[in-house]
Amino acid sequence: MGTIPVSVKQLVSRLGVNEDIASFVAALGANLGMPACAGIWPTLLAVLAINIFDIPYSIGQYVFLIVLTLIVSIGTVGVPGTSTVTTTALFTAAGLPVEIIVLLVPISSVVDMMRTATNVTGAATAAVLVAKSEQLLDREVYDQKKSEDGLSGAAAVGESAR
């Protein structure tokens, strides 16, 4: 949730996304679009548990695990600890040993930064795609190349004026 203002600002100023689309998609992505916390992490832990406990799993069961992950992830919100709750729900629904989650909770807090980055990147990508499909993407801003000093946009223009 804390990334919404920064995401909107960067989408508008650096990527040329229309401000209305940037605000809507960034907020929606922070509430519903959490692929890392609600999708990748629980599925990754489920596959780890399946391999650690040598549980026989068929291709069909893996597909069902992915479907379960999608169902369990609906309504996942951007609050701390959501990935642990989602993982517990997935393990329970799939009949996997929930006990292993306790061992992986310390790792979860370390990995949380990368999950957040993945979630924000996913929402930003969706915002750019929506803006482009609605012809509300400023291609001049989006296609702008960095100047030789590493500055882009207004910073590069301001620097060159000095």
N, C-alpha and C. Protein backbone atom coordinates (compact mmCIF):
# COMPACT_ATOMS: atom_id res chain seq x y z
N MET A 1 0.82 -1.19 0.00
CA MET A 1 0.00 0.00 0.00
C MET A 1 0.87 1.26 0.00
N GLY A 2 2.02 1.16 0.66
CA GLY A 2 2.90 2.31 0.74
C GLY A 2 3.56 2.65 -0.58
N THR A 3 3.52 1.75 -1.53
CA THR A 3 4.16 2.01 -2.82
C THR A 3 3.26 2.74 -3.80
N ILE A 4 1.98 2.87 -3.50
CA ILE A 4 1.03 3.46 -4.47
C ILE A 4 1.44 4.87 -4.89
N PRO A 5 1.70 5.80 -3.97
CA PRO A 5 2.05 7.16 -4.42
C PRO A 5 3.32 7.20 -5.27
N VAL A 6 4.32 6.44 -4.88
CA VAL A 6 5.58 6.41 -5.64
C VAL A 6 5.34 5.77 -7.00
N SER A 7 4.57 4.68 -7.03
CA SER A 7 4.28 4.01 -8.30
C SER A 7 3.55 4.93 -9.26
N VAL A 8 2.54 5.63 -8.78
CA VAL A 8 1.77 6.54 -9.64
C VAL A 8 2.67 7.64 -10.18
N LYS A 9 3.48 8.22 -9.32
CA LYS A 9 4.38 9.31 -9.75
C LYS A 9 5.34 8.82 -10.84
N GLN A 10 5.93 7.66 -10.65
CA GLN A 10 6.88 7.12 -11.62
C GLN A 10 6.19 6.71 -12.92
N LEU A 11 5.00 6.14 -12.82
CA LEU A 11 4.26 5.75 -14.03
C LEU A 11 3.95 6.97 -14.89
N VAL A 12 3.57 8.07 -14.24
CA VAL A 12 3.21 9.27 -14.98
C VAL A 12 4.44 9.99 -15.50
N SER A 13 5.44 10.23 -14.63
CA SER A 13 6.58 11.07 -15.03
C SER A 13 7.62 10.33 -15.86
N ARG A 14 7.86 9.07 -15.60
CA ARG A 14 8.93 8.36 -16.30
C ARG A 14 8.46 7.44 -17.42
N LEU A 15 7.20 6.97 -17.31
CA LEU A 15 6.73 6.02 -18.31
C LEU A 15 5.61 6.58 -19.19
N GLY A 16 5.12 7.77 -18.88
CA GLY A 16 4.14 8.42 -19.73
C GLY A 16 2.74 7.86 -19.66
N VAL A 17 2.41 7.19 -18.55
CA VAL A 17 1.06 6.64 -18.37
C VAL A 17 0.13 7.76 -17.93
N ASN A 18 -1.07 7.78 -18.48
CA ASN A 18 -2.08 8.74 -18.08
C ASN A 18 -2.31 8.65 -16.57
N GLU A 19 -2.45 9.80 -15.90
CA GLU A 19 -2.54 9.82 -14.44
C GLU A 19 -3.76 9.05 -13.91
N ASP A 20 -4.89 9.14 -14.59
CA ASP A 20 -6.08 8.39 -14.14
C ASP A 20 -5.84 6.88 -14.19
N ILE A 21 -5.24 6.43 -15.28
CA ILE A 21 -4.96 5.00 -15.41
C ILE A 21 -3.92 4.57 -14.38
N ALA A 22 -2.88 5.38 -14.21
CA ALA A 22 -1.82 5.06 -13.25
C ALA A 22 -2.40 4.94 -11.84
N SER A 23 -3.24 5.87 -11.44
CA SER A 23 -3.84 5.85 -10.10
C SER A 23 -4.73 4.64 -9.91
N PHE A 24 -5.55 4.35 -10.90
CA PHE A 24 -6.49 3.23 -10.79
C PHE A 24 -5.77 1.89 -10.76
N VAL A 25 -4.86 1.67 -11.71
CA VAL A 25 -4.20 0.37 -11.82
C VAL A 25 -3.23 0.14 -10.66
N ALA A 26 -2.52 1.17 -10.21
CA ALA A 26 -1.60 1.00 -9.09
C ALA A 26 -2.36 0.63 -7.81
N ALA A 27 -3.49 1.29 -7.59
CA ALA A 27 -4.31 0.97 -6.40
C ALA A 27 -4.92 -0.43 -6.52
N LEU A 28 -5.42 -0.77 -7.69
CA LEU A 28 -5.99 -2.09 -7.91
C LEU A 28 -4.92 -3.17 -7.76
N GLY A 29 -3.74 -2.91 -8.30
CA GLY A 29 -2.64 -3.86 -8.19
C GLY A 29 -2.19 -4.08 -6.77
N ALA A 30 -2.24 -3.02 -5.95
CA ALA A 30 -1.83 -3.14 -4.55
C ALA A 30 -2.85 -3.93 -3.73
N ASN A 31 -4.09 -3.99 -4.20
CA ASN A 31 -5.14 -4.71 -3.48
C ASN A 31 -5.39 -6.11 -4.01
N LEU A 32 -5.34 -6.27 -5.32
CA LEU A 32 -5.69 -7.57 -5.90
C LEU A 32 -4.55 -8.22 -6.67
N GLY A 33 -3.71 -7.43 -7.26
CA GLY A 33 -2.67 -7.98 -8.12
C GLY A 33 -1.39 -8.26 -7.36
N MET A 34 -1.36 -9.32 -6.61
CA MET A 34 -0.18 -9.65 -5.83
C MET A 34 0.37 -11.00 -6.26
N PRO A 35 0.97 -11.05 -7.44
CA PRO A 35 1.42 -12.35 -7.95
C PRO A 35 2.48 -13.02 -7.09
N ALA A 36 3.35 -12.25 -6.48
CA ALA A 36 4.43 -12.87 -5.69
C ALA A 36 3.93 -13.37 -4.34
N CYS A 37 3.15 -12.55 -3.63
CA CYS A 37 2.67 -12.93 -2.30
C CYS A 37 1.59 -13.99 -2.35
N ALA A 38 0.73 -13.89 -3.34
CA ALA A 38 -0.42 -14.78 -3.38
C ALA A 38 -0.27 -15.91 -4.40
N GLY A 39 0.71 -15.84 -5.26
CA GLY A 39 0.84 -16.86 -6.29
C GLY A 39 2.17 -17.58 -6.27
N ILE A 40 3.22 -16.84 -6.52
CA ILE A 40 4.54 -17.46 -6.67
C ILE A 40 5.02 -18.08 -5.35
N TRP A 41 4.98 -17.33 -4.26
CA TRP A 41 5.51 -17.81 -2.98
C TRP A 41 4.76 -19.05 -2.47
N PRO A 42 3.42 -19.03 -2.37
CA PRO A 42 2.74 -20.24 -1.89
C PRO A 42 2.98 -21.46 -2.77
N THR A 43 3.00 -21.26 -4.08
CA THR A 43 3.24 -22.38 -4.98
C THR A 43 4.67 -22.89 -4.85
N LEU A 44 5.62 -21.97 -4.72
CA LEU A 44 7.01 -22.36 -4.52
C LEU A 44 7.17 -23.18 -3.25
N LEU A 45 6.55 -22.75 -2.16
CA LEU A 45 6.63 -23.50 -0.91
C LEU A 45 5.92 -24.85 -1.01
N ALA A 46 4.82 -24.89 -1.75
CA ALA A 46 4.12 -26.17 -1.92
C ALA A 46 4.99 -27.16 -2.68
N VAL A 47 5.65 -26.72 -3.74
CA VAL A 47 6.53 -27.60 -4.50
C VAL A 47 7.71 -28.04 -3.63
N LEU A 48 8.23 -27.11 -2.80
CA LEU A 48 9.31 -27.46 -1.88
C LEU A 48 8.85 -28.54 -0.90
N ALA A 49 7.67 -28.37 -0.32
CA ALA A 49 7.13 -29.36 0.63
C ALA A 49 6.90 -30.71 -0.05
N ILE A 50 6.39 -30.68 -1.26
CA ILE A 50 6.15 -31.93 -2.00
C ILE A 50 7.46 -32.68 -2.19
N ASN A 51 8.53 -31.95 -2.49
CA ASN A 51 9.83 -32.58 -2.71
C ASN A 51 10.50 -32.99 -1.40
N ILE A 52 10.40 -32.18 -0.37
CA ILE A 52 11.02 -32.51 0.92
C ILE A 52 10.39 -33.78 1.50
N PHE A 53 9.07 -33.86 1.46
CA PHE A 53 8.37 -35.01 2.03
C PHE A 53 8.19 -36.15 1.03
N ASP A 54 8.75 -35.98 -0.18
CA ASP A 54 8.68 -37.01 -1.22
C ASP A 54 7.24 -37.47 -1.46
N ILE A 55 6.35 -36.49 -1.59
CA ILE A 55 4.94 -36.78 -1.84
C ILE A 55 4.77 -37.01 -3.34
N PRO A 56 4.21 -38.14 -3.73
CA PRO A 56 4.01 -38.38 -5.17
C PRO A 56 2.96 -37.43 -5.73
N TYR A 57 3.35 -36.66 -6.73
CA TYR A 57 2.45 -35.67 -7.33
C TYR A 57 2.49 -35.84 -8.84
N SER A 58 1.32 -35.88 -9.46
CA SER A 58 1.25 -36.02 -10.92
C SER A 58 1.15 -34.62 -11.55
N ILE A 59 1.26 -34.59 -12.85
CA ILE A 59 1.12 -33.32 -13.59
C ILE A 59 -0.26 -32.72 -13.33
N GLY A 60 -1.28 -33.56 -13.31
CA GLY A 60 -2.64 -33.08 -13.05
C GLY A 60 -2.76 -32.45 -11.67
N GLN A 61 -2.09 -33.03 -10.69
CA GLN A 61 -2.13 -32.47 -9.34
C GLN A 61 -1.40 -31.13 -9.28
N TYR A 62 -0.31 -30.99 -10.04
CA TYR A 62 0.38 -29.70 -10.10
C TYR A 62 -0.51 -28.64 -10.75
N VAL A 63 -1.23 -29.01 -11.80
CA VAL A 63 -2.16 -28.08 -12.43
C VAL A 63 -3.25 -27.69 -11.43
N PHE A 64 -3.77 -28.67 -10.70
CA PHE A 64 -4.78 -28.40 -9.67
C PHE A 64 -4.22 -27.48 -8.58
N LEU A 65 -2.94 -27.66 -8.23
CA LEU A 65 -2.29 -26.79 -7.25
C LEU A 65 -2.27 -25.34 -7.74
N ILE A 66 -2.00 -25.14 -9.00
CA ILE A 66 -2.00 -23.79 -9.58
C ILE A 66 -3.40 -23.20 -9.55
N VAL A 67 -4.41 -24.00 -9.89
CA VAL A 67 -5.79 -23.53 -9.84
C VAL A 67 -6.18 -23.17 -8.40
N LEU A 68 -5.80 -24.01 -7.45
CA LEU A 68 -6.06 -23.71 -6.04
C LEU A 68 -5.38 -22.40 -5.62
N THR A 69 -4.17 -22.19 -6.08
CA THR A 69 -3.45 -20.96 -5.75
C THR A 69 -4.21 -19.75 -6.27
N LEU A 70 -4.73 -19.84 -7.48
CA LEU A 70 -5.52 -18.72 -8.03
C LEU A 70 -6.77 -18.46 -7.20
N ILE A 71 -7.45 -19.51 -6.79
CA ILE A 71 -8.67 -19.35 -6.00
C ILE A 71 -8.36 -18.78 -4.62
N VAL A 72 -7.33 -19.31 -3.97
CA VAL A 72 -6.97 -18.86 -2.63
C VAL A 72 -6.49 -17.40 -2.65
N SER A 73 -5.87 -16.98 -3.75
CA SER A 73 -5.29 -15.64 -3.81
C SER A 73 -6.33 -14.53 -4.03
N ILE A 74 -7.54 -14.88 -4.39
CA ILE A 74 -8.55 -13.86 -4.63
C ILE A 74 -8.80 -13.06 -3.36
N GLY A 75 -8.68 -11.77 -3.48
CA GLY A 75 -8.93 -10.89 -2.35
C GLY A 75 -7.74 -10.70 -1.43
N THR A 76 -6.59 -11.18 -1.82
CA THR A 76 -5.39 -10.96 -1.00
C THR A 76 -5.08 -9.48 -1.01
N VAL A 77 -4.92 -8.91 0.16
CA VAL A 77 -4.68 -7.47 0.26
C VAL A 77 -3.26 -7.21 0.71
N GLY A 78 -2.82 -5.98 0.54
CA GLY A 78 -1.45 -5.60 0.85
C GLY A 78 -1.20 -5.33 2.32
N VAL A 79 -1.29 -6.34 3.13
CA VAL A 79 -0.96 -6.21 4.54
C VAL A 79 0.14 -7.20 4.87
N PRO A 80 0.98 -6.88 5.85
CA PRO A 80 2.06 -7.81 6.20
C PRO A 80 1.50 -9.17 6.65
N GLY A 81 2.17 -10.22 6.25
CA GLY A 81 1.79 -11.56 6.65
C GLY A 81 0.78 -12.24 5.76
N THR A 82 0.35 -11.56 4.72
CA THR A 82 -0.66 -12.14 3.82
C THR A 82 -0.14 -13.39 3.14
N SER A 83 1.12 -13.40 2.77
CA SER A 83 1.65 -14.57 2.08
C SER A 83 1.62 -15.81 2.96
N THR A 84 1.83 -15.65 4.26
CA THR A 84 1.77 -16.80 5.18
C THR A 84 0.34 -17.31 5.29
N VAL A 85 -0.61 -16.41 5.35
CA VAL A 85 -2.02 -16.80 5.41
C VAL A 85 -2.43 -17.51 4.12
N THR A 86 -2.02 -16.95 2.98
CA THR A 86 -2.34 -17.55 1.69
C THR A 86 -1.69 -18.94 1.55
N THR A 87 -0.45 -19.04 2.00
CA THR A 87 0.25 -20.32 1.94
C THR A 87 -0.44 -21.36 2.81
N THR A 88 -0.86 -20.95 4.00
CA THR A 88 -1.57 -21.88 4.90
C THR A 88 -2.88 -22.35 4.27
N ALA A 89 -3.61 -21.44 3.67
CA ALA A 89 -4.87 -21.81 3.01
C ALA A 89 -4.61 -22.77 1.85
N LEU A 90 -3.57 -22.50 1.07
CA LEU A 90 -3.24 -23.38 -0.06
C LEU A 90 -2.84 -24.77 0.42
N PHE A 91 -1.98 -24.83 1.43
CA PHE A 91 -1.55 -26.13 1.95
C PHE A 91 -2.73 -26.93 2.49
N THR A 92 -3.62 -26.26 3.20
CA THR A 92 -4.80 -26.93 3.75
C THR A 92 -5.69 -27.46 2.63
N ALA A 93 -5.93 -26.62 1.61
CA ALA A 93 -6.80 -27.02 0.50
C ALA A 93 -6.18 -28.16 -0.32
N ALA A 94 -4.85 -28.16 -0.43
CA ALA A 94 -4.17 -29.19 -1.23
C ALA A 94 -3.82 -30.43 -0.43
N GLY A 95 -4.08 -30.42 0.88
CA GLY A 95 -3.76 -31.57 1.72
C GLY A 95 -2.27 -31.74 1.98
N LEU A 96 -1.54 -30.66 1.93
CA LEU A 96 -0.10 -30.71 2.18
C LEU A 96 0.19 -30.46 3.66
N PRO A 97 1.33 -30.89 4.17
CA PRO A 97 1.66 -30.72 5.59
C PRO A 97 1.89 -29.24 5.95
N VAL A 98 0.99 -28.68 6.73
CA VAL A 98 1.03 -27.27 7.11
C VAL A 98 2.21 -26.98 8.04
N GLU A 99 2.70 -27.99 8.71
CA GLU A 99 3.77 -27.80 9.70
C GLU A 99 5.03 -27.18 9.11
N ILE A 100 5.31 -27.45 7.86
CA ILE A 100 6.54 -26.93 7.25
C ILE A 100 6.53 -25.41 7.13
N ILE A 101 5.34 -24.82 7.10
CA ILE A 101 5.23 -23.36 6.97
C ILE A 101 5.91 -22.67 8.15
N VAL A 102 5.81 -23.26 9.34
CA VAL A 102 6.43 -22.68 10.54
C VAL A 102 7.94 -22.56 10.35
N LEU A 103 8.53 -23.54 9.70
CA LEU A 103 9.97 -23.50 9.47
C LEU A 103 10.36 -22.45 8.43
N LEU A 104 9.44 -22.11 7.55
CA LEU A 104 9.75 -21.19 6.46
C LEU A 104 9.35 -19.75 6.72
N VAL A 105 8.66 -19.47 7.83
CA VAL A 105 8.25 -18.10 8.15
C VAL A 105 9.44 -17.15 8.28
N PRO A 106 10.55 -17.52 8.93
CA PRO A 106 11.68 -16.59 8.98
C PRO A 106 12.24 -16.22 7.60
N ILE A 107 12.23 -17.16 6.69
CA ILE A 107 12.68 -16.89 5.33
C ILE A 107 11.70 -15.95 4.65
N SER A 108 10.43 -16.11 4.95
CA SER A 108 9.39 -15.29 4.33
C SER A 108 9.60 -13.81 4.56
N SER A 109 10.01 -13.43 5.77
CA SER A 109 10.20 -12.00 6.04
C SER A 109 11.39 -11.44 5.27
N VAL A 110 12.40 -12.25 5.00
CA VAL A 110 13.56 -11.80 4.22
C VAL A 110 13.16 -11.66 2.74
N VAL A 111 12.39 -12.60 2.26
CA VAL A 111 11.98 -12.63 0.85
C VAL A 111 10.90 -11.58 0.56
N ASP A 112 10.29 -11.05 1.61
CA ASP A 112 9.17 -10.11 1.43
C ASP A 112 9.54 -8.90 0.57
N MET A 113 10.75 -8.42 0.68
CA MET A 113 11.15 -7.26 -0.13
C MET A 113 11.10 -7.59 -1.62
N MET A 114 11.55 -8.76 -1.98
CA MET A 114 11.53 -9.15 -3.39
C MET A 114 10.11 -9.43 -3.86
N ARG A 115 9.28 -9.98 -2.98
CA ARG A 115 7.88 -10.19 -3.35
C ARG A 115 7.20 -8.86 -3.61
N THR A 116 7.48 -7.86 -2.77
CA THR A 116 6.89 -6.54 -2.96
C THR A 116 7.35 -5.94 -4.29
N ALA A 117 8.63 -6.06 -4.60
CA ALA A 117 9.15 -5.54 -5.86
C ALA A 117 8.47 -6.23 -7.05
N THR A 118 8.26 -7.52 -6.95
CA THR A 118 7.58 -8.26 -8.01
C THR A 118 6.13 -7.80 -8.16
N ASN A 119 5.45 -7.60 -7.05
CA ASN A 119 4.06 -7.12 -7.09
C ASN A 119 3.96 -5.74 -7.73
N VAL A 120 4.85 -4.83 -7.34
CA VAL A 120 4.83 -3.47 -7.87
C VAL A 120 5.16 -3.48 -9.36
N THR A 121 6.13 -4.28 -9.76
CA THR A 121 6.50 -4.38 -11.18
C THR A 121 5.33 -4.92 -12.00
N GLY A 122 4.62 -5.90 -11.46
CA GLY A 122 3.46 -6.45 -12.15
C GLY A 122 2.37 -5.40 -12.35
N ALA A 123 2.09 -4.62 -11.31
CA ALA A 123 1.07 -3.58 -11.41
C ALA A 123 1.50 -2.49 -12.38
N ALA A 124 2.78 -2.12 -12.37
CA ALA A 124 3.28 -1.10 -13.29
C ALA A 124 3.21 -1.57 -14.74
N THR A 125 3.55 -2.82 -14.97
CA THR A 125 3.46 -3.38 -16.32
C THR A 125 2.02 -3.37 -16.81
N ALA A 126 1.10 -3.75 -15.92
CA ALA A 126 -0.32 -3.73 -16.28
C ALA A 126 -0.78 -2.31 -16.61
N ALA A 127 -0.31 -1.33 -15.85
CA ALA A 127 -0.69 0.07 -16.11
C ALA A 127 -0.21 0.53 -17.47
N VAL A 128 1.02 0.18 -17.84
CA VAL A 128 1.56 0.56 -19.15
C VAL A 128 0.75 -0.12 -20.26
N LEU A 129 0.43 -1.39 -20.09
CA LEU A 129 -0.34 -2.11 -21.11
C LEU A 129 -1.75 -1.54 -21.28
N VAL A 130 -2.39 -1.21 -20.16
CA VAL A 130 -3.73 -0.61 -20.23
C VAL A 130 -3.67 0.75 -20.91
N ALA A 131 -2.70 1.57 -20.50
CA ALA A 131 -2.56 2.90 -21.11
C ALA A 131 -2.31 2.80 -22.61
N LYS A 132 -1.48 1.85 -23.02
CA LYS A 132 -1.21 1.68 -24.44
C LYS A 132 -2.45 1.22 -25.19
N SER A 133 -3.18 0.27 -24.61
CA SER A 133 -4.39 -0.23 -25.29
C SER A 133 -5.48 0.83 -25.39
N GLU A 134 -5.48 1.79 -24.50
CA GLU A 134 -6.47 2.86 -24.52
C GLU A 134 -5.95 4.12 -25.21
N GLN A 135 -4.78 4.03 -25.83
CA GLN A 135 -4.11 5.14 -26.49
C GLN A 135 -3.91 6.33 -25.54
N LEU A 136 -3.60 6.04 -24.29
CA LEU A 136 -3.34 7.07 -23.28
C LEU A 136 -1.92 6.96 -22.73
N LEU A 137 -1.02 6.44 -23.56
CA LEU A 137 0.38 6.34 -23.20
C LEU A 137 1.15 7.39 -23.98
N ASP A 138 1.85 8.27 -23.30
CA ASP A 138 2.65 9.30 -23.95
C ASP A 138 3.93 8.63 -24.45
N ARG A 139 3.96 8.34 -25.74
CA ARG A 139 5.09 7.61 -26.32
C ARG A 139 6.39 8.40 -26.26
N GLU A 140 6.32 9.72 -26.30
CA GLU A 140 7.55 10.52 -26.20
C GLU A 140 8.21 10.32 -24.85
N VAL A 141 7.42 10.31 -23.79
CA VAL A 141 7.97 10.08 -22.45
C VAL A 141 8.42 8.63 -22.32
N TYR A 142 7.60 7.70 -22.79
CA TYR A 142 7.92 6.28 -22.67
C TYR A 142 9.20 5.91 -23.44
N ASP A 143 9.36 6.45 -24.63
CA ASP A 143 10.50 6.10 -25.48
C ASP A 143 11.75 6.93 -25.20
N GLN A 144 11.64 7.88 -24.29
CA GLN A 144 12.75 8.78 -24.01
C GLN A 144 14.00 8.02 -23.57
N LYS A 145 15.10 8.33 -24.19
CA LYS A 145 16.38 7.69 -23.86
C LYS A 145 17.06 8.47 -22.75
N LYS A 146 17.82 7.77 -21.93
CA LYS A 146 18.60 8.45 -20.91
C LYS A 146 19.73 9.24 -21.57
N SER A 147 20.00 10.38 -20.99
CA SER A 147 21.11 11.16 -21.51
C SER A 147 22.42 10.52 -21.07
N GLU A 148 23.52 11.01 -21.56
CA GLU A 148 24.82 10.41 -21.25
C GLU A 148 25.16 10.46 -19.77
N ASP A 149 24.63 11.45 -19.04
CA ASP A 149 24.94 11.56 -17.61
C ASP A 149 23.99 10.71 -16.76
N GLY A 150 23.12 9.94 -17.39
CA GLY A 150 22.24 9.04 -16.64
C GLY A 150 20.93 9.66 -16.24
N LEU A 151 20.73 10.95 -16.55
CA LEU A 151 19.48 11.62 -16.20
C LEU A 151 18.49 11.45 -17.34
N SER A 152 17.23 11.42 -16.99
CA SER A 152 16.22 11.34 -18.04
C SER A 152 15.13 12.35 -17.74
N GLY A 153 14.33 12.64 -18.72
CA GLY A 153 13.18 13.51 -18.53
C GLY A 153 13.57 14.93 -18.19
N ALA A 154 12.81 15.51 -17.24
CA ALA A 154 13.00 16.89 -16.84
C ALA A 154 14.37 17.13 -16.24
N ALA A 155 14.92 16.14 -15.55
CA ALA A 155 16.25 16.30 -14.95
C ALA A 155 17.31 16.50 -16.03
N ALA A 156 17.23 15.76 -17.11
CA ALA A 156 18.19 15.91 -18.20
C ALA A 156 18.02 17.26 -18.89
N VAL A 157 16.77 17.71 -19.07
CA VAL A 157 16.51 19.00 -19.70
C VAL A 157 17.04 20.12 -18.81
N GLY A 158 16.78 20.03 -17.50
CA GLY A 158 17.26 21.04 -16.57
C GLY A 158 18.77 21.09 -16.51
N GLU A 159 19.42 19.96 -16.56
CA GLU A 159 20.88 19.88 -16.52
C GLU A 159 21.49 20.45 -17.78
N SER A 160 20.87 20.21 -18.93
CA SER A 160 21.44 20.71 -20.17
C SER A 160 21.24 22.22 -20.31
N ALA A 161 20.26 22.79 -19.61
CA ALA A 161 20.02 24.22 -19.67
C ALA A 161 21.07 25.01 -18.89
N ARG A 162 21.78 24.35 -17.98
CA ARG A 162 22.79 25.05 -17.15
C ARG A 162 23.96 25.38 -17.94
